[in-house]
C-alpha cells in the first residue's frame, strides 16, 4: 500500500492533487484511521485509464 505522499512523489505532483483525485473518485483509495492508502494495482489502473483518455479524440464545441 502506498501513502498519498508516495503517490505524489511517484507522479511528481502535489499531495493536494492526489487527494483531489481520490475525492473525485478517479483514484481508488482506502482510508485507514485518518490516512488514505492506495494499492499499487489501483494506481496502475488509474494510470492506464488516463492513458486511454489522452489517446481518445475529444470533440470540442466551437462557438
N, C-alpha and C. Protein backbone atom coordinates (compact mmCIF):
# COMPACT_ATOMS: atom_id res chain seq x y z
N UNK A 1 0.85 -1.19 0.00
CA UNK A 1 0.00 0.00 0.00
C UNK A 1 0.90 1.25 0.00
N UNK A 2 0.44 2.24 -0.73
CA UNK A 2 1.21 3.48 -0.85
C UNK A 2 0.47 4.60 -0.12
N UNK A 3 1.22 5.52 0.43
CA UNK A 3 0.62 6.70 1.06
C UNK A 3 0.35 7.75 -0.02
N UNK A 4 -0.38 8.77 0.36
CA UNK A 4 -0.63 9.88 -0.55
C UNK A 4 0.70 10.51 -0.97
N UNK A 5 1.60 10.65 -0.02
CA UNK A 5 2.91 11.23 -0.33
C UNK A 5 3.69 10.34 -1.30
N UNK A 6 3.63 9.01 -1.12
CA UNK A 6 4.30 8.10 -2.04
C UNK A 6 3.79 8.28 -3.46
N UNK A 7 2.46 8.35 -3.60
CA UNK A 7 1.85 8.51 -4.93
C UNK A 7 2.23 9.87 -5.52
N UNK A 8 2.17 10.91 -4.70
CA UNK A 8 2.53 12.26 -5.17
C UNK A 8 3.99 12.29 -5.64
N UNK A 9 4.87 11.68 -4.89
CA UNK A 9 6.28 11.64 -5.29
C UNK A 9 6.45 10.85 -6.59
N UNK A 10 5.77 9.72 -6.69
CA UNK A 10 5.87 8.87 -7.88
C UNK A 10 5.38 9.60 -9.13
N UNK A 11 4.26 10.32 -8.99
CA UNK A 11 3.68 11.04 -10.14
C UNK A 11 4.27 12.43 -10.32
N UNK A 12 5.08 12.87 -9.36
CA UNK A 12 5.67 14.22 -9.37
C UNK A 12 4.59 15.30 -9.40
N UNK A 13 3.62 15.13 -8.50
CA UNK A 13 2.56 16.11 -8.33
C UNK A 13 2.42 16.39 -6.84
N UNK A 14 1.53 17.31 -6.48
CA UNK A 14 1.33 17.64 -5.07
C UNK A 14 0.42 16.63 -4.39
N UNK A 15 0.54 16.56 -3.08
CA UNK A 15 -0.34 15.70 -2.29
C UNK A 15 -1.79 16.18 -2.41
N UNK A 16 -2.00 17.48 -2.52
CA UNK A 16 -3.36 18.01 -2.68
C UNK A 16 -4.01 17.49 -3.95
N UNK A 17 -3.24 17.38 -5.02
CA UNK A 17 -3.78 16.87 -6.27
C UNK A 17 -4.19 15.41 -6.11
N UNK A 18 -3.36 14.61 -5.45
CA UNK A 18 -3.68 13.21 -5.23
C UNK A 18 -4.96 13.08 -4.41
N UNK A 19 -5.07 13.86 -3.34
CA UNK A 19 -6.27 13.82 -2.50
C UNK A 19 -7.50 14.26 -3.30
N UNK A 20 -7.33 15.25 -4.16
CA UNK A 20 -8.43 15.68 -5.03
C UNK A 20 -8.89 14.57 -5.96
N UNK A 21 -7.95 13.82 -6.52
CA UNK A 21 -8.30 12.69 -7.39
C UNK A 21 -9.06 11.62 -6.61
N UNK A 22 -8.67 11.41 -5.37
CA UNK A 22 -9.37 10.44 -4.53
C UNK A 22 -10.78 10.92 -4.25
N UNK A 23 -10.93 12.18 -3.88
CA UNK A 23 -12.26 12.73 -3.56
C UNK A 23 -13.19 12.71 -4.77
N UNK A 24 -12.63 12.92 -5.97
CA UNK A 24 -13.43 12.91 -7.19
C UNK A 24 -13.76 11.49 -7.66
N UNK A 25 -13.16 10.49 -7.01
CA UNK A 25 -13.42 9.11 -7.38
C UNK A 25 -12.59 8.62 -8.56
N UNK A 26 -11.61 9.38 -8.97
CA UNK A 26 -10.78 8.98 -10.10
C UNK A 26 -9.67 8.02 -9.70
N UNK A 27 -9.26 8.09 -8.44
CA UNK A 27 -8.22 7.22 -7.91
C UNK A 27 -8.76 6.51 -6.68
N UNK A 28 -8.82 5.18 -6.74
CA UNK A 28 -9.34 4.40 -5.61
C UNK A 28 -8.34 4.42 -4.47
N UNK A 29 -8.88 4.53 -3.26
CA UNK A 29 -8.04 4.52 -2.06
C UNK A 29 -8.87 4.01 -0.89
N UNK A 30 -8.18 3.52 0.11
CA UNK A 30 -8.82 3.10 1.35
C UNK A 30 -8.40 4.08 2.43
N UNK A 31 -9.33 4.38 3.31
CA UNK A 31 -9.00 5.27 4.41
C UNK A 31 -8.79 4.41 5.65
N UNK A 32 -7.59 4.43 6.16
CA UNK A 32 -7.24 3.67 7.35
C UNK A 32 -6.93 4.69 8.44
N UNK A 33 -7.78 4.67 9.48
CA UNK A 33 -7.74 5.71 10.51
C UNK A 33 -8.00 7.04 9.80
N UNK A 34 -7.07 7.97 9.84
CA UNK A 34 -7.28 9.27 9.19
C UNK A 34 -6.51 9.41 7.89
N UNK A 35 -5.89 8.33 7.44
CA UNK A 35 -4.97 8.43 6.31
C UNK A 35 -5.42 7.55 5.15
N UNK A 36 -5.21 8.06 3.94
CA UNK A 36 -5.51 7.28 2.74
C UNK A 36 -4.35 6.37 2.41
N UNK A 37 -4.69 5.19 1.89
CA UNK A 37 -3.70 4.26 1.37
C UNK A 37 -4.17 3.82 -0.02
N UNK A 38 -3.25 3.77 -0.95
CA UNK A 38 -3.56 3.44 -2.33
C UNK A 38 -2.82 2.16 -2.70
N UNK A 39 -3.57 1.19 -3.22
CA UNK A 39 -2.93 -0.04 -3.68
C UNK A 39 -2.22 0.24 -5.00
N UNK A 40 -1.11 -0.42 -5.22
CA UNK A 40 -0.35 -0.23 -6.46
C UNK A 40 -1.21 -0.59 -7.68
N UNK A 41 -2.06 -1.63 -7.52
CA UNK A 41 -2.94 -2.03 -8.63
C UNK A 41 -3.91 -0.91 -8.99
N UNK A 42 -4.41 -0.19 -7.97
CA UNK A 42 -5.33 0.91 -8.23
C UNK A 42 -4.62 2.09 -8.89
N UNK A 43 -3.39 2.34 -8.50
CA UNK A 43 -2.61 3.40 -9.15
C UNK A 43 -2.35 3.03 -10.60
N UNK A 44 -1.98 1.78 -10.86
CA UNK A 44 -1.75 1.34 -12.24
C UNK A 44 -3.02 1.45 -13.08
N UNK A 45 -4.17 1.08 -12.50
CA UNK A 45 -5.44 1.21 -13.22
C UNK A 45 -5.75 2.66 -13.53
N UNK A 46 -5.48 3.54 -12.59
CA UNK A 46 -5.68 4.98 -12.81
C UNK A 46 -4.79 5.47 -13.95
N UNK A 47 -3.54 5.05 -13.94
CA UNK A 47 -2.61 5.49 -14.98
C UNK A 47 -3.02 4.93 -16.34
N UNK A 48 -3.47 3.68 -16.38
CA UNK A 48 -3.94 3.09 -17.64
C UNK A 48 -5.15 3.84 -18.17
N UNK A 49 -6.07 4.18 -17.29
CA UNK A 49 -7.28 4.92 -17.69
C UNK A 49 -6.91 6.30 -18.21
N UNK A 50 -5.96 6.95 -17.57
CA UNK A 50 -5.50 8.27 -18.02
C UNK A 50 -4.88 8.20 -19.39
N UNK A 51 -4.15 7.14 -19.65
CA UNK A 51 -3.53 6.98 -20.97
C UNK A 51 -4.60 6.80 -22.03
N UNK A 52 -5.67 6.06 -21.69
CA UNK A 52 -6.77 5.88 -22.63
C UNK A 52 -7.45 7.20 -22.93
N UNK A 53 -7.68 8.00 -21.88
CA UNK A 53 -8.34 9.29 -22.06
C UNK A 53 -7.52 10.19 -22.97
N UNK A 54 -6.20 10.16 -22.81
CA UNK A 54 -5.35 11.02 -23.62
C UNK A 54 -5.31 10.57 -25.07
N UNK A 55 -5.49 9.27 -25.32
CA UNK A 55 -5.41 8.77 -26.68
C UNK A 55 -6.75 8.85 -27.43
N UNK A 56 -7.86 9.05 -26.70
CA UNK A 56 -9.16 9.15 -27.34
C UNK A 56 -9.37 10.56 -27.88
N UNK A 57 -9.90 10.67 -29.10
CA UNK A 57 -10.18 12.01 -29.62
C UNK A 57 -11.32 12.68 -28.84
N UNK A 58 -11.20 13.96 -28.66
CA UNK A 58 -12.23 14.71 -27.94
C UNK A 58 -12.90 15.70 -28.89
N UNK A 59 -14.19 15.81 -28.75
CA UNK A 59 -14.93 16.81 -29.53
C UNK A 59 -15.03 18.08 -28.71
N UNK A 60 -14.59 19.16 -29.29
CA UNK A 60 -14.64 20.45 -28.60
C UNK A 60 -15.62 21.34 -29.34
N UNK A 61 -16.65 21.80 -28.62
CA UNK A 61 -17.62 22.67 -29.30
C UNK A 61 -16.99 23.99 -29.72
N UNK A 62 -17.40 24.46 -30.89
CA UNK A 62 -16.88 25.73 -31.40
C UNK A 62 -18.01 26.75 -31.35
N UNK A 63 -17.67 27.90 -30.81
CA UNK A 63 -18.65 28.99 -30.80
C UNK A 63 -19.24 29.21 -29.53
